Amino acid sequence: MVQLLDRREDKVVEASLRLDMQPVDLIRAEESWRRYRDRLLRLSAEHSHWDWSMKSSDLVFGPYRCVGIVHKRAVQGLMMVGWSGYKGRSLKHRDEQILYVKYLETAPWNLREFAGDRIRYAGVGTALLREAVLMSMRLGMHRRLGLHSLPQAERFYDRFMDDLGLDWNVENLRLFELPQEKALKYIADSFVQEEG
């Protein structure tokens, strides 16, 4: 279980954390999100072209797992992570295995750029990233993780991760890594953020 802030009711709610979302779950989530994609495209949301039904094949053919947050039978956010073959690039943990966050997206109704002040649930992305840190720990990667950020999310990740610059090999996206010494602070801060 994770806690989310229900912005409309101004209260904390319990949501289910599903650690092993299946391809069919991603297809169903995309079906419910698809009607919002055109509006996200008009708002220039960089992830508006994402299609989780297409990403579901990564769960079948690659070393990936998908984590989801579900509340009131609706998927509130998804995160796909890989744990095989990803090595840190930071001087702090160069060549050590890290958990790689391949994709992370919250449902459109939970995005400020889409819903404005009518956001339904806050804390979805924070809870997913916290679970990535905990997964890294469970897998023996000592809470280390990395990801490539879309430009619109760079400010968020820059608050608590190390910015390793643009990666020309991955669509010229900025690479961020979370070293283990910052991971514990992130976990503690993310609980405070949910409660605040």
Protein backbone atom coordinates (compact mmCIF):
# COMPACT_ATOMS: atom_id res chain seq x y z
CA MET A 1 0.00 0.00 0.00
CA VAL A 2 1.04 3.60 -0.61
CA GLN A 3 -0.50 6.84 0.47
CA LEU A 4 -1.63 9.45 -2.01
CA LEU A 5 -3.11 12.86 -1.39
CA ASP A 6 -6.63 13.11 -2.77
CA ARG A 7 -6.61 16.77 -3.85
CA ARG A 8 -10.35 16.98 -4.38
CA GLU A 9 -11.23 15.60 -0.96
CA ASP A 10 -8.14 17.09 0.73
CA LYS A 11 -7.30 13.85 2.51
CA VAL A 12 -4.78 11.03 2.40
CA VAL A 13 -5.97 7.80 0.78
CA GLU A 14 -4.50 4.30 0.64
CA ALA A 15 -3.73 2.96 -2.83
CA SER A 16 -2.51 -0.45 -3.95
CA LEU A 17 1.09 -0.83 -5.04
CA ARG A 18 1.24 -3.61 -7.64
CA LEU A 19 4.80 -4.85 -8.09
CA ASP A 20 4.21 -7.14 -11.04
CA MET A 21 1.92 -5.50 -13.57
CA GLN A 22 1.31 -7.78 -16.56
CA PRO A 23 1.07 -6.80 -20.25
CA VAL A 24 -2.72 -6.95 -20.07
CA ASP A 25 -2.66 -4.45 -17.17
CA LEU A 26 -0.62 -2.00 -19.26
CA ILE A 27 -2.99 -2.41 -22.21
CA ARG A 28 -6.00 -1.68 -19.99
CA ALA A 29 -4.28 1.33 -18.41
CA GLU A 30 -3.50 2.75 -21.85
CA GLU A 31 -7.09 2.22 -22.93
CA SER A 32 -8.28 4.40 -20.04
CA TRP A 33 -5.57 7.04 -20.63
CA ARG A 34 -5.78 7.14 -24.43
CA ARG A 35 -8.70 9.58 -24.59
CA TYR A 36 -6.51 12.15 -22.79
CA ARG A 37 -3.48 11.77 -25.09
CA ASP A 38 -4.70 14.26 -27.74
CA ARG A 39 -5.15 16.96 -25.12
CA LEU A 40 -1.68 16.20 -23.70
CA LEU A 41 -0.29 16.54 -27.23
CA ARG A 42 -1.93 19.98 -27.60
CA LEU A 43 -0.38 20.94 -24.25
CA SER A 44 3.04 19.88 -25.61
CA ALA A 45 3.49 17.19 -22.97
CA GLU A 46 6.60 15.34 -24.06
CA HIS A 47 5.21 11.94 -23.11
CA SER A 48 1.91 12.46 -24.95
CA HIS A 49 2.99 9.96 -27.63
CA TRP A 50 3.68 7.17 -25.12
CA ASP A 51 1.58 4.07 -25.48
CA TRP A 52 1.80 1.57 -22.64
CA SER A 53 0.15 -1.11 -24.75
CA MET A 54 3.22 -0.94 -27.03
CA LYS A 55 5.60 -0.87 -24.05
CA SER A 56 3.99 -4.03 -22.68
CA SER A 57 6.11 -6.16 -25.04
CA ASP A 58 9.18 -5.13 -23.01
CA LEU A 59 7.78 -7.19 -20.13
CA VAL A 60 7.66 -10.27 -22.36
CA PHE A 61 10.94 -9.91 -24.25
CA GLY A 62 13.21 -7.98 -21.89
CA PRO A 63 14.50 -8.00 -18.32
CA TYR A 64 11.87 -5.53 -17.14
CA ARG A 65 9.22 -5.31 -14.49
CA CYS A 66 6.36 -2.87 -14.34
CA VAL A 67 5.06 -1.38 -11.09
CA GLY A 68 1.68 0.30 -10.86
CA ILE A 69 -0.37 2.25 -8.37
CA VAL A 70 -4.07 1.46 -8.42
CA HIS A 71 -6.85 3.28 -6.58
CA LYS A 72 -10.58 2.91 -7.11
CA ARG A 73 -9.90 0.30 -9.81
CA ALA A 74 -7.99 2.85 -11.93
CA VAL A 75 -4.26 2.86 -12.63
CA GLN A 76 -2.91 6.10 -11.19
CA GLY A 77 0.68 5.65 -12.38
CA LEU A 78 3.09 3.21 -14.01
CA MET A 79 6.84 2.67 -13.86
CA MET A 80 8.93 0.21 -15.86
CA VAL A 81 12.33 -0.76 -14.46
CA GLY A 82 15.22 -2.87 -15.70
CA TRP A 83 17.70 -4.64 -13.48
CA SER A 84 20.02 -6.45 -15.84
CA GLY A 85 22.95 -4.90 -17.64
CA TYR A 86 22.66 -1.35 -16.31
CA LYS A 87 25.84 0.05 -14.81
CA GLY A 88 26.32 3.34 -13.02
CA ARG A 89 28.24 6.12 -14.77
CA SER A 90 28.68 8.45 -11.82
CA LEU A 91 32.11 8.53 -10.19
CA LYS A 92 30.35 7.50 -6.97
CA HIS A 93 29.33 4.12 -8.36
CA ARG A 94 30.86 3.75 -11.82
CA ASP A 95 30.36 0.28 -13.29
CA GLU A 96 28.30 -0.92 -10.33
CA GLN A 97 24.91 -2.38 -11.13
CA ILE A 98 21.98 0.04 -10.80
CA LEU A 99 18.23 -0.28 -11.18
CA TYR A 100 17.23 1.62 -14.32
CA VAL A 101 13.89 3.41 -14.53
CA LYS A 102 12.98 3.09 -18.19
CA TYR A 103 9.56 4.77 -18.03
CA LEU A 104 7.54 6.54 -15.36
CA GLU A 105 4.18 8.18 -15.99
CA THR A 106 1.28 9.27 -13.85
CA ALA A 107 -2.28 9.12 -15.12
CA PRO A 108 -3.26 12.28 -17.03
CA TRP A 109 -5.74 13.37 -14.35
CA ASN A 110 -2.82 13.46 -11.88
CA LEU A 111 -0.68 15.82 -14.00
CA ARG A 112 -0.61 19.51 -13.17
CA GLU A 113 0.00 20.39 -16.84
CA PHE A 114 -3.20 18.56 -17.75
CA ALA A 115 -5.53 18.98 -14.79
CA GLY A 116 -4.27 22.27 -13.34
CA ASP A 117 -5.73 22.80 -9.88
CA ARG A 118 -8.08 19.85 -10.42
CA ILE A 119 -5.36 17.21 -9.97
CA ARG A 120 -6.97 14.10 -8.57
CA TYR A 121 -4.10 12.43 -6.68
CA ALA A 122 -0.72 13.88 -5.72
CA GLY A 123 2.33 11.83 -4.80
CA VAL A 124 2.03 9.13 -7.47
CA GLY A 125 5.41 9.70 -9.13
CA THR A 126 7.10 10.17 -5.77
CA ALA A 127 5.68 6.86 -4.50
CA LEU A 128 6.79 5.04 -7.66
CA LEU A 129 10.34 6.39 -7.39
CA ARG A 130 10.46 5.47 -3.72
CA GLU A 131 9.53 1.92 -4.69
CA ALA A 132 12.35 1.93 -7.29
CA VAL A 133 14.83 2.78 -4.53
CA LEU A 134 13.44 -0.01 -2.35
CA MET A 135 13.55 -2.48 -5.28
CA SER A 136 17.19 -1.55 -5.85
CA MET A 137 17.90 -2.37 -2.23
CA ARG A 138 16.05 -5.71 -2.39
CA LEU A 139 17.96 -6.66 -5.55
CA GLY A 140 21.34 -5.99 -3.92
CA MET A 141 22.02 -2.73 -5.78
CA HIS A 142 22.30 -0.72 -2.56
CA ARG A 143 19.51 1.75 -3.43
CA ARG A 144 21.31 2.97 -6.57
CA LEU A 145 19.19 3.87 -9.57
CA GLY A 146 19.35 5.80 -12.82
CA LEU A 147 17.05 7.20 -15.47
CA HIS A 148 16.95 9.41 -18.54
CA SER A 149 14.60 12.35 -18.06
CA LEU A 150 12.33 14.07 -20.51
CA PRO A 151 13.18 17.81 -20.46
CA GLN A 152 9.90 18.76 -18.73
CA ALA A 153 10.78 16.53 -15.74
CA GLU A 154 14.44 17.56 -15.35
CA ARG A 155 13.75 20.10 -12.59
CA PHE A 156 11.98 17.44 -10.53
CA TYR A 157 14.83 14.92 -10.73
CA ASP A 158 17.51 17.57 -10.30
CA ARG A 159 16.22 18.24 -6.77
CA PHE A 160 17.49 14.92 -5.42
CA MET A 161 19.52 13.09 -8.09
CA ASP A 162 22.95 13.67 -9.61
CA ASP A 163 22.76 15.26 -13.08
CA LEU A 164 25.30 13.52 -15.35
CA GLY A 165 24.51 15.65 -18.40
CA LEU A 166 23.03 14.92 -21.79
CA ASP A 167 23.39 11.39 -23.09
CA TRP A 168 23.85 11.44 -26.86
CA ASN A 169 23.24 7.69 -26.97
CA VAL A 170 19.71 7.94 -25.55
CA GLU A 171 17.84 10.55 -27.58
CA ASN A 172 20.02 13.30 -26.11
CA LEU A 173 18.11 13.02 -22.84
CA ARG A 174 19.63 14.08 -19.54
CA LEU A 175 20.94 11.21 -17.42
CA PHE A 176 20.27 11.26 -13.69
CA GLU A 177 21.55 8.82 -11.10
CA LEU A 178 20.64 8.46 -7.47
CA PRO A 179 23.66 7.38 -5.41
CA GLN A 180 23.04 5.33 -2.30
CA GLU A 181 23.93 8.18 0.10
CA LYS A 182 21.15 10.35 -1.39
CA ALA A 183 18.66 7.47 -1.59
CA LEU A 184 17.94 7.32 2.13
CA LYS A 185 17.31 11.07 2.23
CA TYR A 186 14.97 10.76 -0.76
CA ILE A 187 12.98 8.00 0.94
CA ALA A 188 12.64 10.02 4.16
CA ASP A 189 11.78 13.23 2.29
CA SER A 190 9.21 11.46 0.09
CA PHE A 191 7.26 10.35 3.17
CA VAL A 192 7.33 13.91 4.51
CA GLN A 193 6.18 15.24 1.13
CA GLU A 194 3.22 12.83 1.06
CA GLU A 195 2.17 13.87 4.53
CA GLY A 196 2.62 17.61 3.90
